[in-house]
Amino acid sequence: MAVPAASLSSGRPTGTIFELEALEGLPCGCVAAAYRARPWDVAVVSLEAKGPHCILAGHASGQILRLGDPSEFEDEDTDE
């Protein structure tokens, strides 16, 4: 039995769960995105788009590449 969508809503507005922090093109042509997951304050890096000529079998759109504490990713940026 199908449940009407209206009955699934609590009536409260839903906030954004993921906040985009950065986009980065990879050498293979794929695009990775770094997000901050709210309200848990977890960093998520995912593959957003597979490059048209990417030959890496492990690359698929929507694939989670990394999870962790956002401060860990900030430390990596300052090392460059």
PDB file of N, CA and C in Angstrom:
ATOM      1  N   MET A   1       0.841  -1.186   0.000  1.00  0.00           N
ATOM      2  CA  MET A   1       0.000   0.000   0.000  1.00  0.00           C
ATOM      3  C   MET A   1       0.882   1.242   0.000  1.00  0.00           C
ATOM      4  N   ALA A   2       0.599   2.164  -0.857  1.00  0.00           N
ATOM      5  CA  ALA A   2       1.375   3.400  -0.948  1.00  0.00           C
ATOM      6  C   ALA A   2       0.962   4.359   0.163  1.00  0.00           C
ATOM      7  N   VAL A   3       1.956   5.043   0.708  1.00  0.00           N
ATOM      8  CA  VAL A   3       1.705   6.034   1.756  1.00  0.00           C
ATOM      9  C   VAL A   3       1.778   7.418   1.112  1.00  0.00           C
ATOM     10  N   PRO A   4       0.733   8.240   1.278  1.00  0.00           N
ATOM     11  CA  PRO A   4       0.776   9.583   0.694  1.00  0.00           C
ATOM     12  C   PRO A   4       1.958  10.377   1.230  1.00  0.00           C
ATOM     13  N   ALA A   5       2.608  11.132   0.351  1.00  0.00           N
ATOM     14  CA  ALA A   5       3.778  11.914   0.736  1.00  0.00           C
ATOM     15  C   ALA A   5       3.448  12.893   1.847  1.00  0.00           C
ATOM     16  N   ALA A   6       2.253  13.446   1.860  1.00  0.00           N
ATOM     17  CA  ALA A   6       1.863  14.421   2.882  1.00  0.00           C
ATOM     18  C   ALA A   6       1.898  13.811   4.274  1.00  0.00           C
ATOM     19  N   SER A   7       1.629  12.521   4.376  1.00  0.00           N
ATOM     20  CA  SER A   7       1.632  11.895   5.699  1.00  0.00           C
ATOM     21  C   SER A   7       3.041  11.630   6.206  1.00  0.00           C
ATOM     22  N   LEU A   8       4.025  11.664   5.311  1.00  0.00           N
ATOM     23  CA  LEU A   8       5.410  11.450   5.714  1.00  0.00           C
ATOM     24  C   LEU A   8       6.053  12.721   6.256  1.00  0.00           C
ATOM     25  N   SER A   9       5.499  13.856   5.929  1.00  0.00           N
ATOM     26  CA  SER A   9       6.072  15.132   6.341  1.00  0.00           C
ATOM     27  C   SER A   9       5.634  15.471   7.755  1.00  0.00           C
ATOM     28  N   SER A  10       6.573  16.007   8.548  1.00  0.00           N
ATOM     29  CA  SER A  10       6.227  16.396   9.915  1.00  0.00           C
ATOM     30  C   SER A  10       5.662  17.804   9.967  1.00  0.00           C
ATOM     31  N   GLY A  11       5.626  18.475   8.832  1.00  0.00           N
ATOM     32  CA  GLY A  11       5.117  19.840   8.806  1.00  0.00           C
ATOM     33  C   GLY A  11       6.191  20.892   9.032  1.00  0.00           C
ATOM     34  N   ARG A  12       7.361  20.473   9.451  1.00  0.00           N
ATOM     35  CA  ARG A  12       8.473  21.412   9.654  1.00  0.00           C
ATOM     36  C   ARG A  12       9.256  21.539   8.370  1.00  0.00           C
ATOM     37  N   PRO A  13       9.793  22.723   8.081  1.00  0.00           N
ATOM     38  CA  PRO A  13      10.641  22.852   6.893  1.00  0.00           C
ATOM     39  C   PRO A  13      11.935  22.087   7.093  1.00  0.00           C
ATOM     40  N   THR A  14      12.383  21.439   6.034  1.00  0.00           N
ATOM     41  CA  THR A  14      13.640  20.693   6.132  1.00  0.00           C
ATOM     42  C   THR A  14      14.782  21.595   5.706  1.00  0.00           C
ATOM     43  N   GLY A  15      15.870  21.546   6.449  1.00  0.00           N
ATOM     44  CA  GLY A  15      17.049  22.340   6.125  1.00  0.00           C
ATOM     45  C   GLY A  15      17.975  21.572   5.219  1.00  0.00           C
ATOM     46  N   THR A  16      18.992  22.239   4.752  1.00  0.00           N
ATOM     47  CA  THR A  16      19.985  21.603   3.906  1.00  0.00           C
ATOM     48  C   THR A  16      20.867  20.713   4.754  1.00  0.00           C
ATOM     49  N   ILE A  17      21.029  19.489   4.338  1.00  0.00           N
ATOM     50  CA  ILE A  17      21.862  18.546   5.081  1.00  0.00           C
ATOM     51  C   ILE A  17      23.317  18.686   4.666  1.00  0.00           C
ATOM     52  N   PHE A  18      23.570  18.897   3.372  1.00  0.00           N
ATOM     53  CA  PHE A  18      24.932  18.999   2.878  1.00  0.00           C
ATOM     54  C   PHE A  18      25.220  20.420   2.406  1.00  0.00           C
ATOM     55  N   GLU A  19      26.345  20.952   2.854  1.00  0.00           N
ATOM     56  CA  GLU A  19      26.794  22.290   2.455  1.00  0.00           C
ATOM     57  C   GLU A  19      28.033  22.118   1.595  1.00  0.00           C
ATOM     58  N   LEU A  20      27.967  22.580   0.337  1.00  0.00           N
ATOM     59  CA  LEU A  20      29.093  22.440  -0.588  1.00  0.00           C
ATOM     60  C   LEU A  20      30.250  23.314  -0.132  1.00  0.00           C
ATOM     61  N   GLU A  21      31.418  22.709  -0.005  1.00  0.00           N
ATOM     62  CA  GLU A  21      32.622  23.432   0.411  1.00  0.00           C
ATOM     63  C   GLU A  21      33.532  23.729  -0.788  1.00  0.00           C
ATOM     64  N   ALA A  22      33.697  22.738  -1.692  1.00  0.00           N
ATOM     65  CA  ALA A  22      34.616  22.926  -2.821  1.00  0.00           C
ATOM     66  C   ALA A  22      34.344  21.897  -3.912  1.00  0.00           C
ATOM     67  N   LEU A  23      34.688  22.275  -5.131  1.00  0.00           N
ATOM     68  CA  LEU A  23      34.685  21.362  -6.276  1.00  0.00           C
ATOM     69  C   LEU A  23      36.103  21.292  -6.813  1.00  0.00           C
ATOM     70  N   GLU A  24      36.511  20.107  -7.280  1.00  0.00           N
ATOM     71  CA  GLU A  24      37.862  19.978  -7.823  1.00  0.00           C
ATOM     72  C   GLU A  24      37.849  19.016  -9.005  1.00  0.00           C
ATOM     73  N   GLY A  25      38.446  19.461 -10.101  1.00  0.00           N
ATOM     74  CA  GLY A  25      38.609  18.589 -11.255  1.00  0.00           C
ATOM     75  C   GLY A  25      39.795  17.668 -11.022  1.00  0.00           C
ATOM     76  N   LEU A  26      39.624  16.400 -11.297  1.00  0.00           N
ATOM     77  CA  LEU A  26      40.692  15.420 -11.132  1.00  0.00           C
ATOM     78  C   LEU A  26      41.411  15.222 -12.466  1.00  0.00           C
ATOM     79  N   PRO A  27      42.670  14.753 -12.449  1.00  0.00           N
ATOM     80  CA  PRO A  27      43.429  14.577 -13.691  1.00  0.00           C
ATOM     81  C   PRO A  27      42.741  13.666 -14.709  1.00  0.00           C
ATOM     82  N   CYS A  28      41.910  12.734 -14.235  1.00  0.00           N
ATOM     83  CA  CYS A  28      41.231  11.804 -15.145  1.00  0.00           C
ATOM     84  C   CYS A  28      40.007  12.433 -15.812  1.00  0.00           C
ATOM     85  N   GLY A  29      39.654  13.651 -15.411  1.00  0.00           N
ATOM     86  CA  GLY A  29      38.488  14.326 -15.973  1.00  0.00           C
ATOM     87  C   GLY A  29      37.254  14.258 -15.099  1.00  0.00           C
ATOM     88  N   CYS A  30      37.322  13.489 -14.031  1.00  0.00           N
ATOM     89  CA  CYS A  30      36.198  13.403 -13.098  1.00  0.00           C
ATOM     90  C   CYS A  30      36.157  14.653 -12.224  1.00  0.00           C
ATOM     91  N   VAL A  31      35.032  14.879 -11.556  1.00  0.00           N
ATOM     92  CA  VAL A  31      34.875  16.029 -10.671  1.00  0.00           C
ATOM     93  C   VAL A  31      34.534  15.526  -9.273  1.00  0.00           C
ATOM     94  N   ALA A  32      35.329  15.963  -8.284  1.00  0.00           N
ATOM     95  CA  ALA A  32      35.083  15.612  -6.886  1.00  0.00           C
ATOM     96  C   ALA A  32      34.523  16.834  -6.168  1.00  0.00           C
ATOM     97  N   ALA A  33      33.665  16.580  -5.195  1.00  0.00           N
ATOM     98  CA  ALA A  33      33.073  17.662  -4.403  1.00  0.00           C
ATOM     99  C   ALA A  33      33.291  17.372  -2.930  1.00  0.00           C
ATOM    100  N   ALA A  34      33.604  18.428  -2.179  1.00  0.00           N
ATOM    101  CA  ALA A  34      33.742  18.314  -0.731  1.00  0.00           C
ATOM    102  C   ALA A  34      32.521  18.983  -0.107  1.00  0.00           C
ATOM    103  N   TYR A  35      31.850  18.265   0.780  1.00  0.00           N
ATOM    104  CA  TYR A  35      30.668  18.760   1.466  1.00  0.00           C
ATOM    105  C   TYR A  35      30.895  18.704   2.971  1.00  0.00           C
ATOM    106  N   ARG A  36      30.144  19.507   3.689  1.00  0.00           N
ATOM    107  CA  ARG A  36      30.068  19.403   5.138  1.00  0.00           C
ATOM    108  C   ARG A  36      28.651  18.941   5.441  1.00  0.00           C
ATOM    109  N   ALA A  37      28.507  17.802   6.101  1.00  0.00           N
ATOM    110  CA  ALA A  37      27.199  17.245   6.438  1.00  0.00           C
ATOM    111  C   ALA A  37      26.725  17.846   7.755  1.00  0.00           C
ATOM    112  N   ARG A  38      25.609  18.530   7.704  1.00  0.00           N
ATOM    113  CA  ARG A  38      25.012  19.134   8.892  1.00  0.00           C
ATOM    114  C   ARG A  38      23.871  18.257   9.347  1.00  0.00           C
ATOM    115  N   PRO A  39      23.539  18.135  10.547  1.00  0.00           N
ATOM    116  CA  PRO A  39      24.070  18.796  11.730  1.00  0.00           C
ATOM    117  C   PRO A  39      25.210  18.035  12.395  1.00  0.00           C
ATOM    118  N   TRP A  40      25.710  16.986  11.731  1.00  0.00           N
ATOM    119  CA  TRP A  40      26.724  16.136  12.353  1.00  0.00           C
ATOM    120  C   TRP A  40      28.121  16.698  12.236  1.00  0.00           C
ATOM    121  N   ASP A  41      28.342  17.697  11.399  1.00  0.00           N
ATOM    122  CA  ASP A  41      29.644  18.306  11.152  1.00  0.00           C
ATOM    123  C   ASP A  41      30.671  17.251  10.729  1.00  0.00           C
ATOM    124  N   VAL A  42      30.312  16.528   9.669  1.00  0.00           N
ATOM    125  CA  VAL A  42      31.169  15.506   9.091  1.00  0.00           C
ATOM    126  C   VAL A  42      31.523  15.948   7.671  1.00  0.00           C
ATOM    127  N   ALA A  43      32.779  15.806   7.298  1.00  0.00           N
ATOM    128  CA  ALA A  43      33.204  16.129   5.941  1.00  0.00           C
ATOM    129  C   ALA A  43      32.978  14.916   5.043  1.00  0.00           C
ATOM    130  N   VAL A  44      32.451  15.166   3.849  1.00  0.00           N
ATOM    131  CA  VAL A  44      32.182  14.124   2.868  1.00  0.00           C
ATOM    132  C   VAL A  44      32.794  14.558   1.547  1.00  0.00           C
ATOM    133  N   VAL A  45      33.607  13.687   0.949  1.00  0.00           N
ATOM    134  CA  VAL A  45      34.142  13.948  -0.384  1.00  0.00           C
ATOM    135  C   VAL A  45      33.554  12.872  -1.289  1.00  0.00           C
ATOM    136  N   SER A  46      32.909  13.313  -2.363  1.00  0.00           N
ATOM    137  CA  SER A  46      32.286  12.357  -3.272  1.00  0.00           C
ATOM    138  C   SER A  46      32.643  12.671  -4.710  1.00  0.00           C
ATOM    139  N   LEU A  47      32.511  11.671  -5.561  1.00  0.00           N
ATOM    140  CA  LEU A  47      32.735  11.852  -6.982  1.00  0.00           C
ATOM    141  C   LEU A  47      31.411  12.303  -7.584  1.00  0.00           C
ATOM    142  N   GLU A  48      31.371  13.515  -8.082  1.00  0.00           N
ATOM    143  CA  GLU A  48      30.123  14.085  -8.593  1.00  0.00           C
ATOM    144  C   GLU A  48      29.869  13.759 -10.048  1.00  0.00           C
ATOM    145  N   ALA A  49      30.917  13.704 -10.847  1.00  0.00           N
ATOM    146  CA  ALA A  49      30.748  13.417 -12.270  1.00  0.00           C
ATOM    147  C   ALA A  49      31.936  12.613 -12.769  1.00  0.00           C
ATOM    148  N   LYS A  50      31.646  11.576 -13.537  1.00  0.00           N
ATOM    149  CA  LYS A  50      32.713  10.777 -14.132  1.00  0.00           C
ATOM    150  C   LYS A  50      33.112  11.429 -15.445  1.00  0.00           C
ATOM    151  N   GLY A  51      34.415  11.601 -15.626  1.00  0.00           N
ATOM    152  CA  GLY A  51      34.923  12.203 -16.849  1.00  0.00           C
ATOM    153  C   GLY A  51      34.615  11.341 -18.059  1.00  0.00           C
ATOM    154  N   PRO A  52      34.394  11.946 -19.219  1.00  0.00           N
ATOM    155  CA  PRO A  52      34.016  11.171 -20.406  1.00  0.00           C
ATOM    156  C   PRO A  52      35.104  10.209 -20.870  1.00  0.00           C
ATOM    157  N   HIS A  53      36.356  10.451 -20.501  1.00  0.00           N
ATOM    158  CA  HIS A  53      37.458   9.594 -20.946  1.00  0.00           C
ATOM    159  C   HIS A  53      38.158   8.901 -19.774  1.00  0.00           C
ATOM    160  N   CYS A  54      37.544   8.935 -18.590  1.00  0.00           N
ATOM    161  CA  CYS A  54      38.144   8.307 -17.407  1.00  0.00           C
ATOM    162  C   CYS A  54      38.151   6.791 -17.576  1.00  0.00           C
ATOM    163  N   ILE A  55      39.326   6.180 -17.363  1.00  0.00           N
ATOM    164  CA  ILE A  55      39.460   4.726 -17.495  1.00  0.00           C
ATOM    165  C   ILE A  55      39.559   4.034 -16.134  1.00  0.00           C
ATOM    166  N   LEU A  56      39.393   4.779 -15.052  1.00  0.00           N
ATOM    167  CA  LEU A  56      39.494   4.203 -13.714  1.00  0.00           C
ATOM    168  C   LEU A  56      38.195   3.497 -13.349  1.00  0.00           C
ATOM    169  N   ALA A  57      38.266   2.191 -13.204  1.00  0.00           N
ATOM    170  CA  ALA A  57      37.075   1.384 -12.929  1.00  0.00           C
ATOM    171  C   ALA A  57      36.432   1.748 -11.587  1.00  0.00           C
ATOM    172  N   GLY A  58      37.222   2.261 -10.651  1.00  0.00           N
ATOM    173  CA  GLY A  58      36.704   2.595  -9.327  1.00  0.00           C
ATOM    174  C   GLY A  58      35.951   3.905  -9.266  1.00  0.00           C
ATOM    175  N   HIS A  59      35.925   4.662 -10.358  1.00  0.00           N
ATOM    176  CA  HIS A  59      35.228   5.941 -10.360  1.00  0.00           C
ATOM    177  C   HIS A  59      33.791   5.759 -10.864  1.00  0.00           C
ATOM    178  N   ALA A  60      32.835   6.169 -10.023  1.00  0.00           N
ATOM    179  CA  ALA A  60      31.420   6.136 -10.384  1.00  0.00           C
ATOM    180  C   ALA A  60      30.751   7.352  -9.779  1.00  0.00           C
ATOM    181  N   SER A  61      29.873   7.998 -10.513  1.00  0.00           N
ATOM    182  CA  SER A  61      29.178   9.176 -10.000  1.00  0.00           C
ATOM    183  C   SER A  61      28.436   8.832  -8.715  1.00  0.00           C
ATOM    184  N   GLY A  62      28.555   9.726  -7.742  1.00  0.00           N
ATOM    185  CA  GLY A  62      27.896   9.536  -6.453  1.00  0.00           C
ATOM    186  C   GLY A  62      28.695   8.705  -5.463  1.00  0.00           C
ATOM    187  N   GLN A  63      29.852   8.227  -5.862  1.00  0.00           N
ATOM    188  CA  GLN A  63      30.690   7.395  -4.990  1.00  0.00           C
ATOM    189  C   GLN A  63      31.302   8.242  -3.886  1.00  0.00           C
ATOM    190  N   ILE A  64      31.205   7.785  -2.645  1.00  0.00           N
ATOM    191  CA  ILE A  64      31.844   8.461  -1.518  1.00  0.00           C
ATOM    192  C   ILE A  64      33.319   8.095  -1.528  1.00  0.00           C
ATOM    193  N   LEU A  65      34.177   9.111  -1.598  1.00  0.00           N
ATOM    194  CA  LEU A  65      35.613   8.878  -1.626  1.00  0.00           C
ATOM    195  C   LEU A  65      36.234   8.950  -0.244  1.00  0.00           C
ATOM    196  N   ARG A  66      35.628   9.796   0.625  1.00  0.00           N
ATOM    197  CA  ARG A  66      36.219   9.978   1.955  1.00  0.00           C
ATOM    198  C   ARG A  66      35.195  10.569   2.912  1.00  0.00           C
ATOM    199  N   LEU A  67      35.238  10.129   4.171  1.00  0.00           N
ATOM    200  CA  LEU A  67      34.442  10.685   5.265  1.00  0.00           C
ATOM    201  C   LEU A  67      35.400  11.045   6.384  1.00  0.00           C
ATOM    202  N   GLY A  68      35.073  12.070   7.145  1.00  0.00           N
ATOM    203  CA  GLY A  68      35.934  12.391   8.277  1.00  0.00           C
ATOM    204  C   GLY A  68      35.584  13.696   8.940  1.00  0.00           C
ATOM    205  N   ASP A  69      36.425  14.083   9.874  1.00  0.00           N
ATOM    206  CA  ASP A  69      36.297  15.342  10.599  1.00  0.00           C
ATOM    207  C   ASP A  69      36.707  16.474   9.667  1.00  0.00           C
ATOM    208  N   PRO A  70      35.884  17.528   9.535  1.00  0.00           N
ATOM    209  CA  PRO A  70      36.235  18.633   8.642  1.00  0.00           C
ATOM    210  C   PRO A  70      37.593  19.251   8.933  1.00  0.00           C
ATOM    211  N   SER A  71      38.031  19.249  10.175  1.00  0.00           N
ATOM    212  CA  SER A  71      39.331  19.840  10.490  1.00  0.00           C
ATOM    213  C   SER A  71      40.479  19.048   9.861  1.00  0.00           C
ATOM    214  N   GLU A  72      40.294  17.744   9.636  1.00  0.00           N
ATOM    215  CA  GLU A  72      41.323  16.941   8.971  1.00  0.00           C
ATOM    216  C   GLU A  72      41.546  17.433   7.543  1.00  0.00           C
ATOM    217  N   PHE A  73      40.482  17.789   6.842  1.00  0.00           N
ATOM    218  CA  PHE A  73      40.587  18.265   5.469  1.00  0.00           C
ATOM    219  C   PHE A  73      41.172  19.668   5.431  1.00  0.00           C
ATOM    220  N   GLU A  74      40.865  20.500   6.402  1.00  0.00           N
ATOM    221  CA  GLU A  74      41.413  21.849   6.457  1.00  0.00           C
ATOM    222  C   GLU A  74      42.923  21.808   6.641  1.00  0.00           C
ATOM    223  N   ASP A  75      43.424  20.860   7.444  1.00  0.00           N
ATOM    224  CA  ASP A  75      44.856  20.709   7.664  1.00  0.00           C
ATOM    225  C   ASP A  75      45.569  20.349   6.363  1.00  0.00           C
ATOM    226  N   GLU A  76      44.935  19.502   5.521  1.00  0.00           N
ATOM    227  CA  GLU A  76      45.534  19.109   4.250  1.00  0.00           C
ATOM    228  C   GLU A  76      45.668  20.308   3.330  1.00  0.00           C
ATOM    229  N   ASP A  77      44.683  21.213   3.344  1.00  0.00           N
ATOM    230  CA  ASP A  77      44.714  22.387   2.472  1.00  0.00           C
ATOM    231  C   ASP A  77      45.863  23.321   2.841  1.00  0.00           C
ATOM    232  N   THR A  78      46.191  23.458   4.110  1.00  0.00           N
ATOM    233  CA  THR A  78      47.237  24.367   4.540  1.00  0.00           C
ATOM    234  C   THR A  78      48.630  23.817   4.273  1.00  0.00           C
ATOM    235  N   ASP A  79      48.756  22.488   4.057  1.00  0.00           N
ATOM    236  CA  ASP A  79      50.052  21.882   3.791  1.00  0.00           C
ATOM    237  C   ASP A  79      50.549  22.160   2.383  1.00  0.00           C
ATOM    238  N   GLU A  80      49.671  22.554   1.483  1.00  0.00           N
ATOM    239  CA  GLU A  80      50.053  22.736   0.079  1.00  0.00           C
ATOM    240  C   GLU A  80      50.856  23.952  -0.156  1.00  0.00           C
TER     241      GLU A  80
END
